[in-house]
Amino acid sequence: QVRLVESGGGLVQAGESLRLSCAASGIIVSFNAMGWYRQAAGKERELVAHMTSIGIANYADSVKGRFTISRDNAKNTVYLQMNSLKPEDTAVYYCNALSARDNYWGQGTQVTVSS
């Protein structure tokens, strides 16, 4: 019954910014962590960033200094602010939420960065 609804993807030029949002709906559960993965065409899915329920964030080296993850526990929502976007950031971005018992995934939102 838990659903992760993503929004904010789109087509931008290199150097521009996007903010992704992911809101959990359905059965209310406690998430130990929420975050973002991405999968580029022909590549494996990789961790972008995630944040624990107490606000500890972790980032992939490739996005450190450019991306910022934030979380609103009251709204069961996690955000990813993406600045200085590069063509290499082009991928489908997936929201992820981890509870004590289950791992949830969003449907993915496409981010395309043109050079």
C-alpha atoms as a PDB file:
ATOM      1  CA  GLN A   1       0.000   0.000   0.000  1.00  0.00           C
ATOM      2  CA  VAL A   2       2.972   2.321   0.312  1.00  0.00           C
ATOM      3  CA  ARG A   3       3.634   4.375  -2.785  1.00  0.00           C
ATOM      4  CA  LEU A   4       6.463   6.743  -3.572  1.00  0.00           C
ATOM      5  CA  VAL A   5       5.404   9.506  -5.940  1.00  0.00           C
ATOM      6  CA  GLU A   6       8.201  11.358  -7.697  1.00  0.00           C
ATOM      7  CA  SER A   7       8.186  14.661  -9.517  1.00  0.00           C
ATOM      8  CA  GLY A   8      10.553  17.344 -10.741  1.00  0.00           C
ATOM      9  CA  GLY A   9      12.417  15.664 -13.548  1.00  0.00           C
ATOM     10  CA  GLY A  10      12.816  17.242 -16.924  1.00  0.00           C
ATOM     11  CA  LEU A  11      15.101  18.473 -19.659  1.00  0.00           C
ATOM     12  CA  VAL A  12      17.652  21.148 -18.813  1.00  0.00           C
ATOM     13  CA  GLN A  13      20.891  22.507 -20.168  1.00  0.00           C
ATOM     14  CA  ALA A  14      24.250  21.880 -18.562  1.00  0.00           C
ATOM     15  CA  GLY A  15      24.835  24.153 -15.600  1.00  0.00           C
ATOM     16  CA  GLU A  16      21.168  24.505 -14.746  1.00  0.00           C
ATOM     17  CA  SER A  17      19.327  23.130 -11.743  1.00  0.00           C
ATOM     18  CA  LEU A  18      16.441  20.849 -10.924  1.00  0.00           C
ATOM     19  CA  ARG A  19      14.768  19.802  -7.717  1.00  0.00           C
ATOM     20  CA  LEU A  20      13.301  16.343  -7.412  1.00  0.00           C
ATOM     21  CA  SER A  21      10.583  15.525  -4.917  1.00  0.00           C
ATOM     22  CA  CYS A  22       9.371  12.202  -3.608  1.00  0.00           C
ATOM     23  CA  ALA A  23       6.341  11.905  -1.362  1.00  0.00           C
ATOM     24  CA  ALA A  24       5.277   8.705   0.355  1.00  0.00           C
ATOM     25  CA  SER A  25       1.589   7.933   0.492  1.00  0.00           C
ATOM     26  CA  GLY A  26      -0.635   5.100   1.635  1.00  0.00           C
ATOM     27  CA  ILE A  27       0.052   3.163   4.785  1.00  0.00           C
ATOM     28  CA  ILE A  28       1.978   5.265   7.240  1.00  0.00           C
ATOM     29  CA  VAL A  29       5.267   3.665   8.124  1.00  0.00           C
ATOM     30  CA  SER A  30       8.470   4.886   9.662  1.00  0.00           C
ATOM     31  CA  PHE A  31      11.339   5.172   7.213  1.00  0.00           C
ATOM     32  CA  ASN A  32      14.832   4.715   8.530  1.00  0.00           C
ATOM     33  CA  ALA A  33      16.210   6.295   5.393  1.00  0.00           C
ATOM     34  CA  MET A  34      15.016   7.904   2.203  1.00  0.00           C
ATOM     35  CA  GLY A  35      17.061   8.732  -0.821  1.00  0.00           C
ATOM     36  CA  TRP A  36      17.724   8.669  -4.509  1.00  0.00           C
ATOM     37  CA  TYR A  37      19.252   6.275  -6.975  1.00  0.00           C
ATOM     38  CA  ARG A  38      19.751   6.777 -10.667  1.00  0.00           C
ATOM     39  CA  GLN A  39      20.186   4.568 -13.684  1.00  0.00           C
ATOM     40  CA  ALA A  40      21.605   5.831 -16.938  1.00  0.00           C
ATOM     41  CA  ALA A  41      20.906   4.067 -20.197  1.00  0.00           C
ATOM     42  CA  GLY A  42      22.978   0.940 -20.443  1.00  0.00           C
ATOM     43  CA  LYS A  43      24.326   1.268 -16.909  1.00  0.00           C
ATOM     44  CA  GLU A  44      23.516  -0.191 -13.521  1.00  0.00           C
ATOM     45  CA  ARG A  45      21.516   1.621 -10.902  1.00  0.00           C
ATOM     46  CA  GLU A  46      23.679   3.583  -8.488  1.00  0.00           C
ATOM     47  CA  LEU A  47      23.178   5.428  -5.239  1.00  0.00           C
ATOM     48  CA  VAL A  48      23.030   9.203  -5.587  1.00  0.00           C
ATOM     49  CA  ALA A  49      22.206  10.328  -2.060  1.00  0.00           C
ATOM     50  CA  HIS A  50      20.270   9.223   0.973  1.00  0.00           C
ATOM     51  CA  MET A  51      19.380  10.609   4.350  1.00  0.00           C
ATOM     52  CA  THR A  52      18.511   8.934   7.621  1.00  0.00           C
ATOM     53  CA  SER A  53      15.539   9.885   9.751  1.00  0.00           C
ATOM     54  CA  ILE A  54      17.798  12.020  11.925  1.00  0.00           C
ATOM     55  CA  GLY A  55      19.247  13.953   9.020  1.00  0.00           C
ATOM     56  CA  ILE A  56      22.540  12.229   8.290  1.00  0.00           C
ATOM     57  CA  ALA A  57      23.211  12.451   4.569  1.00  0.00           C
ATOM     58  CA  ASN A  58      25.454  10.454   2.289  1.00  0.00           C
ATOM     59  CA  TYR A  59      26.380  11.291  -1.304  1.00  0.00           C
ATOM     60  CA  ALA A  60      28.005   9.637  -4.232  1.00  0.00           C
ATOM     61  CA  ASP A  61      31.391  11.163  -4.978  1.00  0.00           C
ATOM     62  CA  SER A  62      30.222  12.231  -8.417  1.00  0.00           C
ATOM     63  CA  VAL A  63      27.558  14.562  -6.998  1.00  0.00           C
ATOM     64  CA  LYS A  64      29.200  15.895  -3.850  1.00  0.00           C
ATOM     65  CA  GLY A  65      29.177  19.673  -3.799  1.00  0.00           C
ATOM     66  CA  ARG A  66      26.489  19.856  -6.468  1.00  0.00           C
ATOM     67  CA  PHE A  67      23.526  17.898  -5.101  1.00  0.00           C
ATOM     68  CA  THR A  68      21.805  18.365  -1.763  1.00  0.00           C
ATOM     69  CA  ILE A  69      19.331  15.973  -0.214  1.00  0.00           C
ATOM     70  CA  SER A  70      16.740  17.120   2.292  1.00  0.00           C
ATOM     71  CA  ARG A  71      13.875  15.444   4.061  1.00  0.00           C
ATOM     72  CA  ASP A  72      10.597  16.544   5.581  1.00  0.00           C
ATOM     73  CA  ASN A  73       9.577  13.765   7.931  1.00  0.00           C
ATOM     74  CA  ALA A  74       6.223  15.366   8.700  1.00  0.00           C
ATOM     75  CA  LYS A  75       5.318  15.178   5.015  1.00  0.00           C
ATOM     76  CA  ASN A  76       7.105  11.884   4.376  1.00  0.00           C
ATOM     77  CA  THR A  77       8.880  13.642   1.569  1.00  0.00           C
ATOM     78  CA  VAL A  78      12.472  13.685   0.395  1.00  0.00           C
ATOM     79  CA  TYR A  79      14.001  16.186  -2.015  1.00  0.00           C
ATOM     80  CA  LEU A  80      17.067  16.286  -4.179  1.00  0.00           C
ATOM     81  CA  GLN A  81      18.350  19.701  -5.179  1.00  0.00           C
ATOM     82  CA  MET A  82      20.577  19.256  -8.210  1.00  0.00           C
ATOM     83  CA  ASN A  83      22.788  22.178  -9.165  1.00  0.00           C
ATOM     84  CA  SER A  84      25.429  22.555 -11.848  1.00  0.00           C
ATOM     85  CA  LEU A  85      23.957  19.676 -13.761  1.00  0.00           C
ATOM     86  CA  LYS A  86      26.152  17.863 -16.241  1.00  0.00           C
ATOM     87  CA  PRO A  87      25.280  15.657 -19.196  1.00  0.00           C
ATOM     88  CA  GLU A  88      26.683  12.767 -17.169  1.00  0.00           C
ATOM     89  CA  ASP A  89      23.806  13.262 -14.723  1.00  0.00           C
ATOM     90  CA  THR A  90      21.318  12.181 -17.371  1.00  0.00           C
ATOM     91  CA  ALA A  91      19.453   9.191 -15.994  1.00  0.00           C
ATOM     92  CA  VAL A  92      16.211   7.938 -14.577  1.00  0.00           C
ATOM     93  CA  TYR A  93      16.159   8.937 -10.929  1.00  0.00           C
ATOM     94  CA  TYR A  94      14.427   6.605  -8.501  1.00  0.00           C
ATOM     95  CA  CYS A  95      13.178   7.467  -5.047  1.00  0.00           C
ATOM     96  CA  ASN A  96      13.890   4.900  -2.364  1.00  0.00           C
ATOM     97  CA  ALA A  97      12.628   4.487   1.172  1.00  0.00           C
ATOM     98  CA  LEU A  98      13.789   1.978   3.718  1.00  0.00           C
ATOM     99  CA  SER A  99      11.785   0.917   6.747  1.00  0.00           C
ATOM    100  CA  ALA A 100      12.664  -1.622   9.379  1.00  0.00           C
ATOM    101  CA  ARG A 101      10.924  -4.308   7.342  1.00  0.00           C
ATOM    102  CA  ASP A 102      10.674  -3.258   3.701  1.00  0.00           C
ATOM    103  CA  ASN A 103      12.398  -1.440   0.894  1.00  0.00           C
ATOM    104  CA  TYR A 104      10.259   0.761  -1.368  1.00  0.00           C
ATOM    105  CA  TRP A 105      10.903   2.231  -4.798  1.00  0.00           C
ATOM    106  CA  GLY A 106       9.307   4.950  -6.851  1.00  0.00           C
ATOM    107  CA  GLN A 107       8.541   4.615 -10.528  1.00  0.00           C
ATOM    108  CA  GLY A 108      11.404   6.851 -11.572  1.00  0.00           C
ATOM    109  CA  THR A 109      11.590  10.285 -13.134  1.00  0.00           C
ATOM    110  CA  GLN A 110      13.692  11.164 -16.155  1.00  0.00           C
ATOM    111  CA  VAL A 111      16.393  13.802 -15.893  1.00  0.00           C
ATOM    112  CA  THR A 112      18.041  14.808 -19.145  1.00  0.00           C
ATOM    113  CA  VAL A 113      20.889  17.302 -19.267  1.00  0.00           C
ATOM    114  CA  SER A 114      21.937  18.619 -22.645  1.00  0.00           C
ATOM    115  CA  SER A 115      25.406  19.929 -23.362  1.00  0.00           C
END
